[in-house]
Amino acid sequence: MPVMMTHDTSIDYDVYGDGPPLVLINGLGFGRWGWFKQVPALSRHFRIITFDIRGQHGLAHGVTDLSAEVVALLDHLGIEKTHVLGTSLGGFVAQKLALDRSDLVDRLVLVCTSYGGVGRKPMSFEALGRMLGWGSLRPEDAMRRGLETATSDAYRTGNPDEFDRILHWRLADSPSLSEYSQQMMAGAQFDASRNVAKISSPTLVVHGAEDRYVPLPNAVALAESIPNTKLRILDGAGHLVFIEQAKEVNKEIIAFLKPRKRWRPRIRSAKQKTKRLVERLEEANNKLSPFLKHRKPKRKQSSQRSSAKQETKRSQKGDGMRKLRGARELLQKTKEGPAFGKIEGWLRRSYQAPGDWVRKLRGRLPR
């Protein structure tokens, strides 16, 4: 059992299988033993990481501190991208991780959880009292009442031995009263109702129709708030739906997370890196060659444009000269025509103007 130490906690973790990584975040009061029905099935398709955080001191920032511990574990394992599955309180941690570190989260699976806060339908006082063990004189009685509330009547009737085994594990690996209280307060203070719409990871929400700790309307509200979300409701299951109907839940998880193509590690060999580098150089050359070839024709085209402009100017100037010559010829014809002769005769007859005066008038007309 590997152990990772942080400044004030220790994280016990296990890794199973091979494939795309999938980190499982358990709920309040449960250890990584709670995944006993998920690990065998999911490890055939994914690299499963389960863990327990020991010795939390304070959780001053609530779920944010729990999320930071998960980030530290992923960094320790060298995982840059992972699927995340969280149940109950672990679902709060998974949502916080998807909001604060979207670069780490590939796909998100939220089981028997909500977005926190008051929610669409709060837990009943009766369910809250049974979860806290009110009225129980012994720890075993308190935990039994809590697990009975977390499961459906049909499950307990059909699986009495398995229910007793879960109770035994719960008693053997129970967090201290201080740690349990800190986790409960962190969950009570969590409210992502205004932020879950910012989750960019594709999300699967799985919920039991008979969940008394997180009533079904809260799961519906969660699925409606997160974009690109699939909701799966399982009838006849309570809060521990991932144990009660594990086969169906595992099937949904695998179908949602399994890659369409064969998964391969992201680490490339030196030969693959060299091949990729050569391909990039060839792509760059192919893009650069046409660019260089077309530079000279562009210059010729510009020179042709300038010559065309000059030719246009010359033609315009020639047209103007031709129009000017035509106007002068017309004026000359007017001076020599009969109309000018009539004017000249009229002046002589009316004013007996001398011939030299008429000649001066003719000389003032433009030529």
Protein backbone atom coordinates (compact mmCIF):
# COMPACT_ATOMS: atom_id res chain seq x y z
CA MET A 1 0.00 0.00 0.00
CA PRO A 2 1.78 3.17 -1.19
CA VAL A 3 1.62 6.27 0.98
CA MET A 4 2.12 9.90 -0.01
CA MET A 5 2.90 12.50 2.68
CA THR A 6 1.85 16.16 2.52
CA HIS A 7 2.52 18.93 5.04
CA ASP A 8 -0.25 17.85 7.43
CA THR A 9 -1.80 14.67 6.00
CA SER A 10 -0.91 11.28 4.61
CA ILE A 11 -2.65 9.77 1.59
CA ASP A 12 -2.88 5.98 1.31
CA TYR A 13 -3.56 4.99 -2.28
CA ASP A 14 -3.77 2.00 -4.61
CA VAL A 15 -3.50 1.76 -8.38
CA TYR A 16 -5.18 -1.00 -10.40
CA GLY A 17 -5.26 -1.89 -14.09
CA ASP A 18 -4.01 -0.11 -17.17
CA GLY A 19 -5.52 2.41 -19.56
CA PRO A 20 -6.81 5.98 -19.24
CA PRO A 21 -6.59 7.06 -15.56
CA LEU A 22 -9.75 7.21 -13.48
CA VAL A 23 -9.61 8.54 -9.90
CA LEU A 24 -12.37 7.46 -7.51
CA ILE A 25 -13.31 9.87 -4.68
CA ASN A 26 -15.32 8.27 -1.88
CA GLY A 27 -18.04 9.85 0.23
CA LEU A 28 -18.39 10.80 3.87
CA GLY A 29 -17.33 8.05 6.28
CA PHE A 30 -16.32 5.64 3.50
CA GLY A 31 -12.79 4.52 2.72
CA ARG A 32 -11.42 3.19 -0.53
CA TRP A 33 -12.79 -0.22 0.50
CA GLY A 34 -16.17 1.13 -0.62
CA TRP A 35 -15.17 0.60 -4.27
CA PHE A 36 -15.08 -3.20 -3.90
CA LYS A 37 -17.65 -3.57 -6.70
CA GLN A 38 -16.11 -0.95 -9.02
CA VAL A 39 -12.39 -1.81 -8.97
CA PRO A 40 -12.67 -5.35 -10.47
CA ALA A 41 -14.93 -4.21 -13.31
CA LEU A 42 -13.46 -0.80 -14.11
CA SER A 43 -9.78 -1.84 -13.86
CA ARG A 44 -10.26 -3.94 -17.01
CA HIS A 45 -10.67 -0.71 -18.95
CA PHE A 46 -8.98 2.02 -16.91
CA ARG A 47 -6.08 2.74 -14.59
CA ILE A 48 -8.01 3.02 -11.32
CA ILE A 49 -6.71 5.20 -8.45
CA THR A 50 -8.36 4.85 -5.02
CA PHE A 51 -7.17 6.67 -1.90
CA ASP A 52 -7.82 7.65 1.72
CA ILE A 53 -6.80 10.98 3.24
CA ARG A 54 -5.60 10.58 6.82
CA GLY A 55 -5.18 13.25 9.46
CA GLN A 56 -6.94 16.32 8.06
CA HIS A 57 -6.21 19.25 10.34
CA GLY A 58 -8.83 21.96 10.18
CA LEU A 59 -10.10 21.91 6.60
CA ALA A 60 -10.26 25.69 6.93
CA HIS A 61 -11.26 26.01 3.27
CA GLY A 62 -13.64 23.08 3.30
CA VAL A 63 -14.01 21.11 0.07
CA THR A 64 -11.25 23.22 -1.50
CA ASP A 65 -8.72 21.63 0.86
CA LEU A 66 -9.94 18.14 -0.05
CA SER A 67 -9.69 18.98 -3.74
CA ALA A 68 -6.11 20.23 -3.21
CA GLU A 69 -5.19 16.84 -1.71
CA VAL A 70 -6.44 15.10 -4.86
CA VAL A 71 -4.37 17.46 -7.02
CA ALA A 72 -1.30 16.66 -4.91
CA LEU A 73 -1.87 12.92 -5.39
CA LEU A 74 -2.27 13.27 -9.16
CA ASP A 75 0.90 15.33 -9.30
CA HIS A 76 2.70 12.69 -7.26
CA LEU A 77 1.59 10.00 -9.73
CA GLY A 78 2.55 12.13 -12.73
CA ILE A 79 -1.01 12.24 -14.10
CA GLU A 80 -1.74 15.28 -16.25
CA LYS A 81 -5.29 14.36 -17.30
CA THR A 82 -7.78 11.97 -15.72
CA HIS A 83 -11.41 10.95 -15.55
CA VAL A 84 -12.94 11.69 -12.14
CA LEU A 85 -15.70 9.78 -10.33
CA GLY A 86 -17.09 11.09 -7.04
CA THR A 87 -19.90 9.87 -4.81
CA SER A 88 -21.81 11.93 -2.21
CA LEU A 89 -19.22 14.20 -0.53
CA GLY A 90 -16.72 12.92 -3.09
CA GLY A 91 -19.05 14.35 -5.74
CA PHE A 92 -18.56 17.79 -4.17
CA VAL A 93 -14.78 17.32 -4.36
CA ALA A 94 -15.06 16.16 -7.99
CA GLN A 95 -17.10 19.26 -8.93
CA LYS A 96 -14.59 21.55 -7.20
CA LEU A 97 -11.77 19.84 -9.05
CA ALA A 98 -13.55 20.26 -12.39
CA LEU A 99 -14.16 23.97 -11.68
CA ASP A 100 -10.73 24.91 -10.33
CA ARG A 101 -8.56 22.55 -12.40
CA SER A 102 -10.43 21.88 -15.61
CA ASP A 103 -7.09 21.09 -17.24
CA LEU A 104 -6.84 17.95 -15.07
CA VAL A 105 -10.36 16.62 -15.58
CA ASP A 106 -11.23 14.78 -18.76
CA ARG A 107 -14.70 13.38 -18.08
CA LEU A 108 -16.74 13.63 -14.89
CA VAL A 109 -19.01 11.07 -13.22
CA LEU A 110 -21.17 12.23 -10.27
CA VAL A 111 -22.99 9.54 -8.30
CA CYS A 112 -25.59 10.11 -5.53
CA THR A 113 -24.63 13.77 -5.08
CA SER A 114 -25.85 17.33 -5.70
CA TYR A 115 -24.38 20.79 -6.22
CA GLY A 116 -24.67 21.48 -2.48
CA GLY A 117 -26.36 24.34 -0.70
CA VAL A 118 -30.05 24.12 0.17
CA GLY A 119 -30.75 22.24 -3.04
CA ARG A 120 -34.05 21.71 -4.77
CA LYS A 121 -35.26 19.36 -2.02
CA PRO A 122 -33.41 19.31 1.36
CA MET A 123 -32.77 16.15 3.34
CA SER A 124 -35.51 15.39 5.86
CA PHE A 125 -34.81 15.85 9.59
CA GLU A 126 -35.46 12.14 10.11
CA ALA A 127 -32.80 11.16 7.54
CA LEU A 128 -30.36 13.69 9.01
CA GLY A 129 -30.87 12.29 12.51
CA ARG A 130 -30.27 8.71 11.34
CA MET A 131 -27.13 9.76 9.46
CA LEU A 132 -25.76 11.38 12.63
CA GLY A 133 -26.80 8.47 14.83
CA TRP A 134 -29.07 10.45 17.12
CA GLY A 135 -30.58 8.27 19.83
CA SER A 136 -28.03 5.45 19.40
CA LEU A 137 -26.10 4.31 22.45
CA ARG A 138 -23.36 2.41 20.65
CA PRO A 139 -21.27 3.29 17.55
CA GLU A 140 -22.36 0.05 15.89
CA ASP A 141 -26.04 0.93 16.30
CA ALA A 142 -25.44 4.45 14.95
CA MET A 143 -23.62 3.16 11.86
CA ARG A 144 -26.21 0.46 11.25
CA ARG A 145 -29.01 3.02 11.31
CA GLY A 146 -27.03 5.27 8.97
CA LEU A 147 -26.39 2.43 6.47
CA GLU A 148 -30.02 1.33 6.63
CA THR A 149 -31.09 4.84 5.65
CA ALA A 150 -28.50 4.86 2.86
CA THR A 151 -29.81 1.67 1.25
CA SER A 152 -33.16 0.46 -0.04
CA ASP A 153 -35.31 -2.14 1.68
CA ALA A 154 -35.05 -4.41 -1.35
CA TYR A 155 -31.24 -4.41 -1.21
CA ARG A 156 -31.05 -5.23 2.50
CA THR A 157 -33.62 -8.01 2.12
CA GLY A 158 -31.84 -9.56 -0.84
CA ASN A 159 -28.24 -9.06 0.39
CA PRO A 160 -28.14 -9.40 4.19
CA ASP A 161 -24.60 -10.89 4.28
CA GLU A 162 -23.18 -8.18 2.06
CA PHE A 163 -24.87 -5.50 4.15
CA ASP A 164 -23.28 -6.93 7.33
CA ARG A 165 -19.88 -7.01 5.60
CA ILE A 166 -20.18 -3.33 4.67
CA LEU A 167 -21.11 -2.54 8.27
CA HIS A 168 -18.05 -4.44 9.48
CA TRP A 169 -15.74 -2.53 7.10
CA ARG A 170 -17.35 0.72 8.10
CA LEU A 171 -16.64 0.00 11.79
CA ALA A 172 -13.08 -1.23 11.14
CA ASP A 173 -12.04 1.70 8.95
CA SER A 174 -14.02 4.54 10.46
CA PRO A 175 -12.50 8.05 10.54
CA SER A 176 -12.05 9.67 13.91
CA LEU A 177 -14.87 11.77 15.30
CA SER A 178 -12.81 14.92 14.59
CA GLU A 179 -12.13 13.96 10.95
CA TYR A 180 -15.75 12.93 10.41
CA SER A 181 -17.00 16.26 11.82
CA GLN A 182 -14.60 18.26 9.67
CA GLN A 183 -15.68 16.45 6.50
CA MET A 184 -19.36 16.90 7.41
CA MET A 185 -18.87 20.65 7.94
CA ALA A 186 -17.00 20.92 4.63
CA GLY A 187 -19.95 19.27 2.88
CA ALA A 188 -22.49 21.44 4.68
CA GLN A 189 -20.70 24.63 3.60
CA PHE A 190 -20.30 23.58 -0.04
CA ASP A 191 -22.55 25.38 -2.54
CA ALA A 192 -21.71 25.30 -6.24
CA SER A 193 -25.21 26.10 -7.49
CA ARG A 194 -24.01 29.31 -9.17
CA ASN A 195 -20.86 27.81 -10.65
CA VAL A 196 -21.63 24.30 -11.92
CA ALA A 197 -22.74 25.76 -15.25
CA LYS A 198 -19.06 26.59 -15.83
CA ILE A 199 -18.02 22.91 -15.75
CA SER A 200 -16.71 22.16 -19.24
CA SER A 201 -16.10 18.42 -18.82
CA PRO A 202 -18.70 16.03 -20.28
CA THR A 203 -20.59 14.74 -17.25
CA LEU A 204 -22.58 11.67 -16.25
CA VAL A 205 -24.97 11.91 -13.29
CA VAL A 206 -26.13 8.60 -11.75
CA HIS A 207 -28.71 8.53 -8.96
CA GLY A 208 -30.97 6.15 -7.06
CA ALA A 209 -34.65 6.94 -7.19
CA GLU A 210 -35.05 6.09 -3.46
CA ASP A 211 -32.10 8.16 -2.19
CA ARG A 212 -33.07 9.64 1.21
CA TYR A 213 -29.81 11.49 1.91
CA VAL A 214 -29.80 13.30 -1.44
CA PRO A 215 -33.40 13.29 -2.72
CA LEU A 216 -33.82 12.70 -6.45
CA PRO A 217 -34.87 16.29 -7.43
CA ASN A 218 -31.38 17.46 -6.44
CA ALA A 219 -29.77 15.12 -8.98
CA VAL A 220 -32.16 16.36 -11.67
CA ALA A 221 -31.25 19.97 -10.82
CA LEU A 222 -27.55 19.07 -10.96
CA ALA A 223 -27.88 17.47 -14.40
CA GLU A 224 -29.89 20.44 -15.68
CA SER A 225 -27.26 22.92 -14.46
CA ILE A 226 -24.14 21.35 -15.99
CA PRO A 227 -23.83 21.64 -19.78
CA ASN A 228 -23.33 18.46 -21.80
CA THR A 229 -24.65 16.15 -19.06
CA LYS A 230 -26.30 12.74 -19.19
CA LEU A 231 -28.64 11.74 -16.34
CA ARG A 232 -29.24 8.09 -15.40
CA ILE A 233 -31.81 7.29 -12.69
CA LEU A 234 -31.96 3.75 -11.32
CA ASP A 235 -35.24 2.62 -9.77
CA GLY A 236 -35.25 0.69 -6.51
CA ALA A 237 -31.87 2.03 -5.35
CA GLY A 238 -30.96 4.26 -2.43
CA HIS A 239 -27.98 6.47 -1.65
CA LEU A 240 -25.47 3.63 -2.11
CA VAL A 241 -26.65 3.03 -5.67
CA PHE A 242 -23.10 2.19 -6.80
CA ILE A 243 -23.17 -0.83 -4.43
CA GLU A 244 -26.84 -1.80 -4.67
CA GLN A 245 -26.92 -1.82 -8.49
CA ALA A 246 -23.19 -2.00 -9.17
CA LYS A 247 -23.51 -3.95 -12.41
CA GLU A 248 -25.75 -1.35 -14.01
CA VAL A 249 -23.73 1.57 -12.64
CA ASN A 250 -20.44 0.09 -13.89
CA LYS A 251 -21.98 -0.49 -17.30
CA GLU A 252 -23.04 3.16 -17.52
CA ILE A 253 -19.59 4.37 -16.38
CA ILE A 254 -17.68 2.21 -18.88
CA ALA A 255 -19.94 3.22 -21.77
CA PHE A 256 -19.54 6.89 -20.87
CA LEU A 257 -15.77 6.88 -20.29
CA LYS A 258 -14.46 4.22 -22.64
CA PRO A 259 -12.56 5.83 -25.54
CA ARG A 260 -13.83 5.24 -29.05
CA LYS A 261 -10.27 4.50 -30.21
CA ARG A 262 -7.72 2.20 -28.66
CA TRP A 263 -6.03 4.01 -25.80
CA ARG A 264 -2.30 4.53 -25.93
CA PRO A 265 0.01 6.18 -23.41
CA ARG A 266 0.78 9.83 -24.10
CA ILE A 267 4.52 9.31 -23.62
CA ARG A 268 6.14 9.05 -27.05
CA SER A 269 9.36 7.23 -27.79
CA ALA A 270 12.41 9.06 -29.19
CA LYS A 271 11.77 7.46 -32.59
CA GLN A 272 8.17 8.73 -32.62
CA LYS A 273 9.28 12.23 -31.61
CA THR A 274 11.91 12.30 -34.41
CA LYS A 275 9.36 11.11 -36.95
CA ARG A 276 6.90 13.78 -35.84
CA LEU A 277 9.61 16.47 -36.05
CA VAL A 278 10.46 15.47 -39.63
CA GLU A 279 6.78 15.57 -40.56
CA ARG A 280 6.44 19.08 -39.13
CA LEU A 281 9.50 20.28 -41.08
CA GLU A 282 8.05 18.86 -44.29
CA GLU A 283 4.73 20.58 -43.60
CA ALA A 284 6.56 23.88 -43.00
CA ASN A 285 8.49 23.53 -46.29
CA ASN A 286 5.33 22.74 -48.23
CA LYS A 287 3.65 25.83 -46.82
CA LEU A 288 6.68 28.08 -47.41
CA SER A 289 7.46 27.08 -51.02
CA PRO A 290 4.27 28.44 -52.63
CA PHE A 291 4.67 31.66 -50.67
CA LEU A 292 8.18 32.25 -52.09
CA LYS A 293 7.20 31.31 -55.65
CA HIS A 294 4.42 33.86 -55.86
CA ARG A 295 6.45 36.87 -54.75
CA LYS A 296 7.98 37.65 -58.25
CA PRO A 297 4.73 37.43 -60.21
CA LYS A 298 3.28 39.93 -57.75
CA ARG A 299 6.01 42.45 -58.70
CA LYS A 300 5.31 41.97 -62.42
CA GLN A 301 1.69 42.45 -61.77
CA SER A 302 2.40 45.73 -59.98
CA SER A 303 4.56 46.96 -62.88
CA GLN A 304 1.81 46.02 -65.31
CA ARG A 305 -0.63 47.97 -63.22
CA SER A 306 1.61 51.08 -63.26
CA SER A 307 2.09 50.84 -67.04
CA ALA A 308 -1.66 50.49 -67.49
CA LYS A 309 -2.19 53.61 -65.37
CA GLN A 310 0.31 55.54 -67.48
CA GLU A 311 -1.36 54.37 -70.68
CA THR A 312 -4.70 55.51 -69.32
CA LYS A 313 -3.27 58.93 -68.49
CA ARG A 314 -1.79 59.25 -71.99
CA SER A 315 -5.08 58.32 -73.61
CA GLN A 316 -6.94 60.81 -71.42
CA LYS A 317 -4.43 63.53 -72.34
CA GLY A 318 -4.81 62.72 -76.07
CA ASP A 319 -8.59 62.91 -75.80
CA GLY A 320 -8.27 66.32 -74.17
CA MET A 321 -5.99 67.62 -76.94
CA ARG A 322 -8.34 66.35 -79.61
CA LYS A 323 -11.29 68.09 -77.94
CA LEU A 324 -9.30 71.37 -77.74
CA ARG A 325 -8.36 71.22 -81.41
CA GLY A 326 -11.98 70.55 -82.33
CA ALA A 327 -13.15 73.59 -80.37
CA ARG A 328 -10.63 75.84 -82.10
CA GLU A 329 -11.65 74.56 -85.52
CA LEU A 330 -15.29 75.21 -84.69
CA LEU A 331 -14.48 78.77 -83.62
CA GLN A 332 -12.53 79.37 -86.78
CA LYS A 333 -15.43 78.14 -88.87
CA THR A 334 -17.72 80.49 -86.98
CA LYS A 335 -15.50 83.48 -87.81
CA GLU A 336 -15.50 82.53 -91.44
CA GLY A 337 -19.13 81.56 -91.70
CA PRO A 338 -22.15 83.58 -92.86
CA ALA A 339 -23.23 84.43 -89.32
CA PHE A 340 -20.12 86.52 -88.73
CA GLY A 341 -20.60 88.16 -92.12
CA LYS A 342 -24.13 89.16 -91.19
CA ILE A 343 -22.89 90.72 -87.95
CA GLU A 344 -20.22 92.58 -89.80
CA GLY A 345 -22.71 93.94 -92.42
CA TRP A 346 -25.19 94.93 -89.70
CA LEU A 347 -22.51 96.96 -87.88
CA ARG A 348 -21.52 98.80 -91.00
CA ARG A 349 -25.09 99.59 -92.00
CA SER A 350 -26.34 100.62 -88.56
CA TYR A 351 -23.40 102.57 -87.23
CA GLN A 352 -21.49 103.22 -90.40
CA ALA A 353 -18.52 101.68 -88.66
CA PRO A 354 -15.26 102.04 -90.50
CA GLY A 355 -13.64 98.98 -91.95
CA ASP A 356 -10.60 99.22 -89.67
CA TRP A 357 -12.86 99.03 -86.59
CA VAL A 358 -14.48 95.84 -87.90
CA ARG A 359 -11.02 94.49 -88.58
CA LYS A 360 -10.07 95.21 -84.94
CA LEU A 361 -13.19 93.40 -83.75
CA ARG A 362 -12.27 90.41 -85.88
CA GLY A 363 -8.76 90.50 -84.41
CA ARG A 364 -10.02 90.34 -80.80
CA LEU A 365 -11.88 87.12 -81.34
CA PRO A 366 -9.83 84.13 -80.13
CA ARG A 367 -8.02 82.06 -82.66
